[in-house]
N, C-alpha and C. Protein backbone atom coordinates (compact mmCIF):
# COMPACT_ATOMS: atom_id res chain seq x y z
N UNK A 1 -0.82 53.88 -50.18
CA UNK A 1 -1.68 52.77 -50.40
C UNK A 1 -1.74 51.89 -49.18
N UNK A 2 -2.92 51.49 -48.72
CA UNK A 2 -3.09 50.69 -47.54
C UNK A 2 -3.41 49.27 -47.89
N UNK A 3 -2.60 48.33 -47.49
CA UNK A 3 -2.82 46.88 -47.79
C UNK A 3 -3.55 46.27 -46.64
N UNK A 4 -4.47 45.32 -46.95
CA UNK A 4 -5.12 44.57 -45.92
C UNK A 4 -4.20 43.52 -45.33
N UNK A 5 -4.25 43.37 -44.00
CA UNK A 5 -3.47 42.36 -43.38
C UNK A 5 -4.14 40.98 -43.65
N UNK A 6 -3.31 39.95 -43.79
CA UNK A 6 -3.91 38.62 -43.95
C UNK A 6 -4.76 38.24 -42.74
N UNK A 7 -5.81 37.45 -42.98
CA UNK A 7 -6.62 37.02 -41.87
C UNK A 7 -5.84 36.00 -41.00
N UNK A 8 -6.21 35.96 -39.73
CA UNK A 8 -5.53 35.12 -38.79
C UNK A 8 -6.53 34.31 -37.96
N UNK A 9 -6.04 33.35 -37.21
CA UNK A 9 -6.85 32.45 -36.41
C UNK A 9 -6.96 33.02 -35.03
N UNK A 10 -8.19 33.30 -34.54
CA UNK A 10 -8.41 33.80 -33.15
C UNK A 10 -8.26 32.58 -32.23
N UNK A 11 -7.44 32.76 -31.22
CA UNK A 11 -7.28 31.70 -30.17
C UNK A 11 -7.50 32.26 -28.80
N UNK A 12 -7.69 31.42 -27.85
CA UNK A 12 -7.68 31.81 -26.46
C UNK A 12 -6.98 30.73 -25.65
N UNK A 13 -6.13 31.15 -24.74
CA UNK A 13 -5.48 30.29 -23.80
C UNK A 13 -6.10 30.51 -22.48
N UNK A 14 -6.89 29.55 -21.99
CA UNK A 14 -7.74 29.75 -20.85
C UNK A 14 -7.16 29.05 -19.65
N UNK A 15 -6.97 29.82 -18.57
CA UNK A 15 -6.42 29.33 -17.30
C UNK A 15 -7.66 29.19 -16.37
N UNK A 16 -7.71 28.01 -15.70
CA UNK A 16 -8.89 27.72 -14.86
C UNK A 16 -8.57 26.66 -13.81
N UNK A 17 -9.38 26.58 -12.79
CA UNK A 17 -9.19 25.54 -11.72
C UNK A 17 -10.35 24.52 -11.77
N UNK A 18 -11.53 25.03 -12.01
CA UNK A 18 -12.72 24.18 -11.97
C UNK A 18 -13.38 24.12 -13.38
N UNK A 19 -13.99 22.95 -13.66
CA UNK A 19 -14.62 22.81 -15.00
C UNK A 19 -15.85 23.64 -15.24
N UNK A 20 -16.60 23.92 -14.19
CA UNK A 20 -17.83 24.70 -14.36
C UNK A 20 -17.52 26.12 -14.86
N UNK A 21 -16.62 26.88 -14.29
CA UNK A 21 -16.30 28.18 -14.85
C UNK A 21 -15.70 28.06 -16.29
N UNK A 22 -14.98 27.04 -16.57
CA UNK A 22 -14.40 26.84 -17.94
C UNK A 22 -15.59 26.66 -18.90
N UNK A 23 -16.56 25.81 -18.60
CA UNK A 23 -17.69 25.60 -19.46
C UNK A 23 -18.42 26.95 -19.71
N UNK A 24 -18.67 27.70 -18.67
CA UNK A 24 -19.35 28.97 -18.77
C UNK A 24 -18.54 29.95 -19.62
N UNK A 25 -17.22 29.92 -19.44
CA UNK A 25 -16.35 30.78 -20.20
C UNK A 25 -16.44 30.46 -21.65
N UNK A 26 -16.38 29.16 -22.01
CA UNK A 26 -16.47 28.74 -23.44
C UNK A 26 -17.77 29.20 -24.05
N UNK A 27 -18.87 29.10 -23.35
CA UNK A 27 -20.18 29.53 -23.82
C UNK A 27 -20.11 31.03 -24.19
N UNK A 28 -19.60 31.81 -23.25
CA UNK A 28 -19.52 33.25 -23.41
C UNK A 28 -18.58 33.62 -24.56
N UNK A 29 -17.46 32.96 -24.66
CA UNK A 29 -16.55 33.25 -25.74
C UNK A 29 -17.16 32.90 -27.07
N UNK A 30 -17.88 31.84 -27.15
CA UNK A 30 -18.55 31.49 -28.46
C UNK A 30 -19.62 32.48 -28.77
N UNK A 31 -20.32 33.00 -27.76
CA UNK A 31 -21.32 34.07 -28.05
C UNK A 31 -20.64 35.32 -28.60
N UNK A 32 -19.43 35.61 -28.15
CA UNK A 32 -18.69 36.77 -28.56
C UNK A 32 -17.98 36.57 -29.89
N UNK A 33 -17.41 35.39 -30.13
CA UNK A 33 -16.53 35.17 -31.28
C UNK A 33 -16.98 34.15 -32.24
N UNK A 34 -18.07 33.50 -31.96
CA UNK A 34 -18.57 32.43 -32.90
C UNK A 34 -18.07 31.06 -32.38
N UNK A 35 -18.46 30.01 -33.10
CA UNK A 35 -18.16 28.65 -32.63
C UNK A 35 -16.66 28.30 -32.63
N UNK A 36 -16.33 27.41 -31.76
CA UNK A 36 -14.98 26.86 -31.70
C UNK A 36 -14.83 25.88 -32.83
N UNK A 37 -13.66 25.77 -33.36
CA UNK A 37 -13.30 24.67 -34.27
C UNK A 37 -12.14 23.86 -33.72
N UNK A 38 -11.65 24.24 -32.54
CA UNK A 38 -10.59 23.43 -31.90
C UNK A 38 -10.66 23.66 -30.40
N UNK A 39 -10.58 22.58 -29.65
CA UNK A 39 -10.46 22.61 -28.19
C UNK A 39 -9.46 21.65 -27.77
N UNK A 40 -8.32 22.11 -27.25
CA UNK A 40 -7.24 21.24 -26.81
C UNK A 40 -7.48 20.69 -25.43
N UNK A 41 -6.61 19.81 -25.08
CA UNK A 41 -6.67 19.12 -23.79
C UNK A 41 -6.28 20.12 -22.71
N UNK A 42 -6.69 19.87 -21.50
CA UNK A 42 -6.23 20.71 -20.40
C UNK A 42 -4.86 20.20 -19.93
N UNK A 43 -4.00 21.19 -19.75
CA UNK A 43 -2.63 20.87 -19.28
C UNK A 43 -2.40 21.54 -17.91
N UNK A 44 -1.80 20.79 -16.99
CA UNK A 44 -1.52 21.40 -15.67
C UNK A 44 -0.61 22.61 -15.83
N UNK A 45 -0.97 23.67 -15.15
CA UNK A 45 -0.24 24.93 -15.17
C UNK A 45 0.79 24.92 -14.02
N UNK A 46 1.94 24.42 -14.29
CA UNK A 46 2.93 24.16 -13.21
C UNK A 46 4.19 25.01 -13.33
N UNK A 47 4.28 25.86 -14.35
CA UNK A 47 5.51 26.65 -14.52
C UNK A 47 5.54 27.98 -13.78
N UNK A 48 4.45 28.28 -13.11
CA UNK A 48 4.40 29.56 -12.37
C UNK A 48 3.31 29.46 -11.31
N UNK A 49 3.51 30.15 -10.20
CA UNK A 49 2.53 30.25 -9.12
C UNK A 49 1.91 31.67 -9.16
N UNK A 50 2.14 32.40 -10.19
CA UNK A 50 1.68 33.80 -10.29
C UNK A 50 0.22 33.99 -9.99
N UNK A 51 -0.65 33.06 -10.49
CA UNK A 51 -2.08 33.21 -10.31
C UNK A 51 -2.65 32.47 -9.10
N UNK A 52 -1.83 31.74 -8.36
CA UNK A 52 -2.34 30.97 -7.22
C UNK A 52 -3.05 31.81 -6.17
N UNK A 53 -2.53 32.94 -5.92
CA UNK A 53 -3.12 33.79 -4.81
C UNK A 53 -4.53 34.24 -5.20
N UNK A 54 -4.72 34.57 -6.47
CA UNK A 54 -6.04 35.02 -6.92
C UNK A 54 -6.99 33.83 -7.25
N UNK A 55 -6.46 32.81 -7.89
CA UNK A 55 -7.32 31.80 -8.46
C UNK A 55 -7.25 30.45 -7.71
N UNK A 56 -6.26 30.31 -6.85
CA UNK A 56 -6.08 29.05 -6.14
C UNK A 56 -5.05 28.21 -6.80
N UNK A 57 -4.62 27.18 -6.14
CA UNK A 57 -3.60 26.23 -6.71
C UNK A 57 -4.29 25.19 -7.52
N UNK A 58 -3.51 24.42 -8.30
CA UNK A 58 -4.05 23.36 -9.07
C UNK A 58 -4.70 23.81 -10.35
N UNK A 59 -4.13 24.84 -10.98
CA UNK A 59 -4.68 25.42 -12.20
C UNK A 59 -4.29 24.61 -13.45
N UNK A 60 -5.12 24.71 -14.46
CA UNK A 60 -4.83 24.08 -15.73
C UNK A 60 -5.08 25.17 -16.83
N UNK A 61 -4.51 24.85 -18.03
CA UNK A 61 -4.70 25.76 -19.15
C UNK A 61 -5.08 24.91 -20.36
N UNK A 62 -5.98 25.42 -21.15
CA UNK A 62 -6.27 24.83 -22.47
C UNK A 62 -6.31 25.85 -23.54
N UNK A 63 -6.06 25.40 -24.75
CA UNK A 63 -6.03 26.27 -25.92
C UNK A 63 -7.31 25.98 -26.72
N UNK A 64 -7.97 27.02 -27.13
CA UNK A 64 -9.16 26.87 -28.02
C UNK A 64 -8.97 27.85 -29.22
N UNK A 65 -9.61 27.52 -30.31
CA UNK A 65 -9.57 28.34 -31.49
C UNK A 65 -10.98 28.44 -32.05
N UNK A 66 -11.21 29.53 -32.76
CA UNK A 66 -12.54 29.85 -33.26
C UNK A 66 -12.60 29.71 -34.77
N UNK A 67 -13.72 29.22 -35.26
CA UNK A 67 -13.84 28.90 -36.68
C UNK A 67 -13.68 30.11 -37.59
N UNK A 68 -14.18 31.24 -37.18
CA UNK A 68 -14.19 32.44 -38.08
C UNK A 68 -12.81 33.09 -37.96
N UNK A 69 -12.20 33.32 -39.11
CA UNK A 69 -10.92 34.00 -39.12
C UNK A 69 -11.15 35.50 -38.81
N UNK A 70 -10.13 36.16 -38.38
CA UNK A 70 -10.22 37.61 -38.01
C UNK A 70 -9.15 38.39 -38.58
N UNK A 71 -9.31 39.68 -38.64
CA UNK A 71 -8.22 40.61 -38.95
C UNK A 71 -7.37 40.80 -37.69
N UNK A 72 -6.04 40.90 -37.86
CA UNK A 72 -5.27 41.17 -36.64
C UNK A 72 -5.68 42.44 -35.92
N UNK A 73 -6.23 43.41 -36.65
CA UNK A 73 -6.71 44.64 -36.11
C UNK A 73 -7.82 44.45 -35.06
N UNK A 74 -8.52 43.31 -35.07
CA UNK A 74 -9.57 43.01 -34.15
C UNK A 74 -9.06 42.57 -32.75
N UNK A 75 -7.74 42.53 -32.58
CA UNK A 75 -7.20 42.02 -31.31
C UNK A 75 -7.58 42.94 -30.11
N UNK A 76 -7.61 44.20 -30.33
CA UNK A 76 -7.99 45.13 -29.23
C UNK A 76 -9.38 44.82 -28.72
N UNK A 77 -10.33 44.79 -29.61
CA UNK A 77 -11.74 44.48 -29.21
C UNK A 77 -11.86 43.08 -28.61
N UNK A 78 -11.10 42.12 -29.15
CA UNK A 78 -11.12 40.77 -28.58
C UNK A 78 -10.63 40.75 -27.16
N UNK A 79 -9.57 41.52 -26.85
CA UNK A 79 -9.04 41.55 -25.49
C UNK A 79 -10.09 42.12 -24.51
N UNK A 80 -10.75 43.18 -24.93
CA UNK A 80 -11.76 43.79 -24.05
C UNK A 80 -12.98 42.86 -23.86
N UNK A 81 -13.32 42.06 -24.88
CA UNK A 81 -14.47 41.14 -24.74
C UNK A 81 -14.05 40.02 -23.83
N UNK A 82 -12.81 39.50 -24.00
CA UNK A 82 -12.32 38.42 -23.12
C UNK A 82 -12.26 38.93 -21.67
N UNK A 83 -11.82 40.14 -21.46
CA UNK A 83 -11.79 40.72 -20.11
C UNK A 83 -13.20 40.77 -19.50
N UNK A 84 -14.17 41.14 -20.31
CA UNK A 84 -15.56 41.16 -19.83
C UNK A 84 -16.00 39.75 -19.36
N UNK A 85 -15.62 38.73 -20.14
CA UNK A 85 -15.96 37.36 -19.77
C UNK A 85 -15.32 37.05 -18.43
N UNK A 86 -14.09 37.37 -18.23
CA UNK A 86 -13.41 37.18 -16.95
C UNK A 86 -14.20 37.82 -15.80
N UNK A 87 -14.63 39.05 -16.02
CA UNK A 87 -15.30 39.81 -15.01
C UNK A 87 -16.68 39.22 -14.73
N UNK A 88 -17.41 38.78 -15.76
CA UNK A 88 -18.70 38.19 -15.60
C UNK A 88 -18.66 36.94 -14.76
N UNK A 89 -17.53 36.23 -14.84
CA UNK A 89 -17.47 34.91 -14.16
C UNK A 89 -16.69 35.04 -12.84
N UNK A 90 -16.23 36.15 -12.49
CA UNK A 90 -15.46 36.36 -11.25
C UNK A 90 -16.35 36.18 -10.02
N UNK A 91 -15.66 35.76 -8.99
CA UNK A 91 -16.32 35.67 -7.66
C UNK A 91 -15.78 36.88 -6.85
N UNK A 92 -16.51 37.94 -6.88
CA UNK A 92 -15.98 39.17 -6.32
C UNK A 92 -14.78 39.69 -7.11
N UNK A 93 -13.69 39.90 -6.40
CA UNK A 93 -12.45 40.36 -7.03
C UNK A 93 -11.60 39.20 -7.54
N UNK A 94 -12.04 37.98 -7.25
CA UNK A 94 -11.22 36.82 -7.60
C UNK A 94 -11.71 36.25 -8.99
N UNK A 95 -10.82 36.25 -9.97
CA UNK A 95 -11.21 35.62 -11.23
C UNK A 95 -11.24 34.15 -11.10
N UNK A 96 -12.18 33.54 -11.80
CA UNK A 96 -12.29 32.07 -11.87
C UNK A 96 -11.71 31.54 -13.18
N UNK A 97 -11.56 32.42 -14.17
CA UNK A 97 -10.90 32.06 -15.40
C UNK A 97 -9.97 33.25 -15.77
N UNK A 98 -8.90 32.97 -16.44
CA UNK A 98 -8.03 33.96 -17.02
C UNK A 98 -7.98 33.67 -18.50
N UNK A 99 -8.41 34.55 -19.33
CA UNK A 99 -8.50 34.36 -20.77
C UNK A 99 -7.42 35.19 -21.50
N UNK A 100 -6.40 34.52 -21.99
CA UNK A 100 -5.40 35.18 -22.83
C UNK A 100 -5.82 34.98 -24.24
N UNK A 101 -6.44 36.01 -24.76
CA UNK A 101 -6.87 35.95 -26.15
C UNK A 101 -5.76 36.41 -27.09
N UNK A 102 -5.76 35.95 -28.29
CA UNK A 102 -4.76 36.31 -29.25
C UNK A 102 -5.05 35.79 -30.61
N UNK A 103 -4.00 35.71 -31.39
CA UNK A 103 -4.16 35.11 -32.74
C UNK A 103 -2.89 34.35 -33.11
N UNK A 104 -3.15 33.44 -34.04
CA UNK A 104 -2.09 32.63 -34.69
C UNK A 104 -2.11 32.94 -36.17
N UNK A 105 -0.98 33.31 -36.74
CA UNK A 105 -0.91 33.32 -38.19
C UNK A 105 0.14 32.24 -38.54
N UNK A 106 0.53 32.23 -39.80
CA UNK A 106 1.42 31.11 -40.20
C UNK A 106 2.85 31.26 -39.69
N UNK A 107 3.15 32.45 -39.05
CA UNK A 107 4.53 32.67 -38.63
C UNK A 107 4.65 32.92 -37.12
N UNK A 108 3.57 33.13 -36.41
CA UNK A 108 3.75 33.49 -34.97
C UNK A 108 2.45 33.34 -34.19
N UNK A 109 2.59 33.34 -32.90
CA UNK A 109 1.51 33.45 -31.89
C UNK A 109 1.61 34.81 -31.22
N UNK A 110 0.55 35.58 -31.23
CA UNK A 110 0.49 36.83 -30.60
C UNK A 110 -0.59 36.83 -29.55
N UNK A 111 -0.32 37.21 -28.31
CA UNK A 111 -1.27 37.29 -27.28
C UNK A 111 -1.48 38.80 -26.91
N UNK A 112 -2.74 39.13 -26.52
CA UNK A 112 -3.06 40.49 -26.09
C UNK A 112 -2.81 40.62 -24.64
N UNK A 113 -2.42 41.84 -24.16
CA UNK A 113 -2.14 42.08 -22.78
C UNK A 113 -2.54 43.50 -22.43
N UNK A 114 -2.95 43.70 -21.20
CA UNK A 114 -3.13 45.05 -20.66
C UNK A 114 -1.84 45.55 -20.00
N UNK A 115 -0.79 44.74 -19.97
CA UNK A 115 0.45 45.11 -19.35
C UNK A 115 1.51 45.42 -20.40
N UNK A 116 2.01 46.66 -20.38
CA UNK A 116 3.05 47.04 -21.34
C UNK A 116 4.39 46.67 -20.80
N UNK A 117 5.25 46.14 -21.64
CA UNK A 117 6.63 45.75 -21.27
C UNK A 117 7.50 46.22 -22.46
N UNK A 118 8.81 46.18 -22.29
CA UNK A 118 9.71 46.63 -23.29
C UNK A 118 9.53 46.03 -24.71
N UNK A 119 9.18 44.71 -24.71
CA UNK A 119 9.09 44.00 -26.01
C UNK A 119 7.72 44.09 -26.64
N UNK A 120 6.71 44.54 -25.94
CA UNK A 120 5.37 44.54 -26.39
C UNK A 120 5.06 45.80 -27.22
N UNK A 121 4.19 45.69 -28.16
CA UNK A 121 3.78 46.82 -29.01
C UNK A 121 2.43 47.31 -28.65
N UNK A 122 2.32 48.62 -28.44
CA UNK A 122 1.02 49.23 -28.10
C UNK A 122 0.11 49.23 -29.31
N UNK A 123 -1.15 48.80 -29.08
CA UNK A 123 -2.10 48.80 -30.19
C UNK A 123 -3.09 49.97 -30.01
N UNK A 124 -3.94 49.89 -28.98
CA UNK A 124 -4.96 50.92 -28.79
C UNK A 124 -5.74 50.57 -27.50
N UNK A 125 -6.39 51.57 -26.91
CA UNK A 125 -7.29 51.31 -25.79
C UNK A 125 -6.68 50.49 -24.63
N UNK A 126 -5.40 50.71 -24.35
CA UNK A 126 -4.74 50.03 -23.28
C UNK A 126 -4.31 48.64 -23.55
N UNK A 127 -4.33 48.21 -24.84
CA UNK A 127 -3.98 46.85 -25.17
C UNK A 127 -2.68 46.81 -25.90
N UNK A 128 -1.86 45.84 -25.52
CA UNK A 128 -0.49 45.63 -26.05
C UNK A 128 -0.47 44.29 -26.75
N UNK A 129 0.32 44.17 -27.81
CA UNK A 129 0.51 42.87 -28.53
C UNK A 129 1.82 42.27 -28.04
N UNK A 130 1.79 40.98 -27.69
CA UNK A 130 2.92 40.30 -27.21
C UNK A 130 3.19 39.09 -28.13
N UNK A 131 4.19 39.22 -28.99
CA UNK A 131 4.59 38.10 -29.82
C UNK A 131 5.19 37.05 -28.92
N UNK A 132 4.53 35.97 -28.75
CA UNK A 132 4.87 34.94 -27.73
C UNK A 132 5.74 33.81 -28.27
N UNK A 133 5.43 33.38 -29.47
CA UNK A 133 6.20 32.30 -30.17
C UNK A 133 6.31 32.64 -31.64
N UNK A 134 7.38 32.13 -32.24
CA UNK A 134 7.54 32.23 -33.69
C UNK A 134 7.55 30.82 -34.27
N UNK A 135 7.05 30.72 -35.48
CA UNK A 135 7.05 29.43 -36.17
C UNK A 135 8.19 29.49 -37.19
N UNK A 136 9.19 28.62 -37.03
CA UNK A 136 10.28 28.59 -37.98
C UNK A 136 10.83 27.18 -38.05
N UNK A 137 11.22 26.81 -39.25
CA UNK A 137 11.83 25.48 -39.51
C UNK A 137 10.92 24.35 -38.99
N UNK A 138 9.57 24.54 -39.19
CA UNK A 138 8.67 23.52 -38.86
C UNK A 138 8.30 23.37 -37.41
N UNK A 139 8.65 24.31 -36.61
CA UNK A 139 8.29 24.25 -35.17
C UNK A 139 8.13 25.58 -34.52
N UNK A 140 7.44 25.56 -33.38
CA UNK A 140 7.26 26.81 -32.60
C UNK A 140 8.50 27.00 -31.74
N UNK A 141 8.98 28.24 -31.76
CA UNK A 141 10.19 28.52 -30.98
C UNK A 141 9.85 29.68 -30.01
N UNK A 142 10.35 29.59 -28.80
CA UNK A 142 10.11 30.65 -27.81
C UNK A 142 11.07 31.82 -28.07
N UNK A 143 10.70 32.91 -27.51
CA UNK A 143 11.49 34.15 -27.56
C UNK A 143 11.99 34.36 -26.11
N UNK A 144 12.96 35.24 -25.90
CA UNK A 144 13.47 35.41 -24.58
C UNK A 144 12.43 35.79 -23.48
N UNK A 145 11.33 36.39 -23.91
CA UNK A 145 10.28 36.82 -22.99
C UNK A 145 9.05 35.93 -22.99
N UNK A 146 9.10 34.82 -23.72
CA UNK A 146 7.93 33.94 -23.79
C UNK A 146 7.56 33.43 -22.38
N UNK A 147 6.26 33.30 -22.06
CA UNK A 147 5.82 32.74 -20.82
C UNK A 147 6.41 31.34 -20.67
N UNK A 148 6.80 30.96 -19.46
CA UNK A 148 7.52 29.66 -19.24
C UNK A 148 6.72 28.49 -19.80
N UNK A 149 5.40 28.46 -19.64
CA UNK A 149 4.66 27.28 -20.08
C UNK A 149 4.64 27.23 -21.68
N UNK A 150 4.56 28.35 -22.35
CA UNK A 150 4.63 28.41 -23.75
C UNK A 150 6.06 28.04 -24.22
N UNK A 151 7.06 28.58 -23.55
CA UNK A 151 8.46 28.30 -23.87
C UNK A 151 8.78 26.81 -23.72
N UNK A 152 8.13 26.13 -22.82
CA UNK A 152 8.42 24.71 -22.58
C UNK A 152 7.78 23.82 -23.66
N UNK A 153 7.00 24.41 -24.53
CA UNK A 153 6.43 23.59 -25.65
C UNK A 153 5.19 22.77 -25.26
N UNK A 154 4.61 23.08 -24.10
CA UNK A 154 3.45 22.30 -23.68
C UNK A 154 2.29 22.36 -24.68
N UNK A 155 2.08 23.50 -25.33
CA UNK A 155 0.97 23.67 -26.19
C UNK A 155 1.34 23.56 -27.69
N UNK A 156 2.53 23.15 -27.99
CA UNK A 156 2.94 23.09 -29.39
C UNK A 156 2.07 22.16 -30.23
N UNK A 157 1.63 21.04 -29.67
CA UNK A 157 0.71 20.16 -30.39
C UNK A 157 -0.60 20.83 -30.71
N UNK A 158 -1.16 21.53 -29.74
CA UNK A 158 -2.39 22.28 -29.95
C UNK A 158 -2.18 23.39 -30.99
N UNK A 159 -1.08 24.12 -30.85
CA UNK A 159 -0.90 25.23 -31.76
C UNK A 159 -0.59 24.71 -33.18
N UNK A 160 0.04 23.56 -33.30
CA UNK A 160 0.24 22.98 -34.62
C UNK A 160 -1.07 22.57 -35.26
N UNK A 161 -1.95 22.01 -34.46
CA UNK A 161 -3.29 21.61 -34.96
C UNK A 161 -4.08 22.84 -35.41
N UNK A 162 -3.99 23.92 -34.61
CA UNK A 162 -4.68 25.17 -35.01
C UNK A 162 -4.04 25.76 -36.25
N UNK A 163 -2.71 25.70 -36.36
CA UNK A 163 -2.04 26.22 -37.56
C UNK A 163 -2.50 25.43 -38.81
N UNK A 164 -2.63 24.13 -38.67
CA UNK A 164 -3.12 23.32 -39.80
C UNK A 164 -4.56 23.72 -40.19
N UNK A 165 -5.39 24.00 -39.20
CA UNK A 165 -6.75 24.46 -39.52
C UNK A 165 -6.68 25.78 -40.28
N UNK A 166 -5.85 26.68 -39.82
CA UNK A 166 -5.66 27.96 -40.51
C UNK A 166 -5.20 27.80 -41.91
N UNK A 167 -4.22 26.96 -42.08
CA UNK A 167 -3.68 26.71 -43.48
C UNK A 167 -4.79 26.20 -44.42
N UNK A 168 -5.63 25.26 -43.90
CA UNK A 168 -6.72 24.74 -44.70
C UNK A 168 -7.75 25.84 -45.01
N UNK A 169 -8.07 26.68 -44.00
CA UNK A 169 -9.00 27.73 -44.21
C UNK A 169 -8.51 28.72 -45.26
N UNK A 170 -7.27 29.11 -45.16
CA UNK A 170 -6.72 30.05 -46.12
C UNK A 170 -6.65 29.45 -47.55
N UNK A 171 -6.34 28.15 -47.61
CA UNK A 171 -6.27 27.50 -48.89
C UNK A 171 -7.70 27.46 -49.56
N UNK A 172 -8.72 27.27 -48.72
CA UNK A 172 -10.08 27.17 -49.21
C UNK A 172 -10.72 28.52 -49.59
N UNK A 173 -10.10 29.63 -49.23
CA UNK A 173 -10.66 30.92 -49.49
C UNK A 173 -10.50 31.35 -50.93
C-alpha cells in the first residue's frame, strides 16, 4: 500500500548581488511555481566566498515561499525549473542569481542539489535531497553538514514565519 506524503511548503533561498536580477528571478519563479506568500529580508552573505569568483563580492541571500503547497516528490522538477531560471538570467557563463529551491515541512528544511555528497539522498534526474536543518524543541537546529549561513541561524526568523504559514495552510485544509 502506497501512502501519500504530506504536502510541504516550497521555498527558495536566492543568492544575488544586484536587485534587478533578483526582481527578474522572482517573476520567473512565480511564473513557474505560482505566487509568493512570503518574502524575507535580504541578508548579507558573509559566511563563504564560494560564489564570489562567479557572481562577484557583496552577495546577499533572501528566503521566499510560495502560496501553493507541493508534494515532496515535486522537488526534482522544481530544481530543474530553478536551474533554468538561473540560466535564463545568466550573463554568459556567470550566474547573476543562485536559486536553492527546496521545501519546508513541520520537521525540517530540505534543499535540492545537483551535487551528491555522503549525507545527501539521490532522488532522480541528477537531483539530490539535502536535509539542511531540523526543527526540534521549538527551533531550527543545524546538522554537521549544514551550510554555514543556515547553521548560523541567519534565516531562522524567515523559516519560522514560513513554518507558521504552512501550519495555517495545513490546518485550513
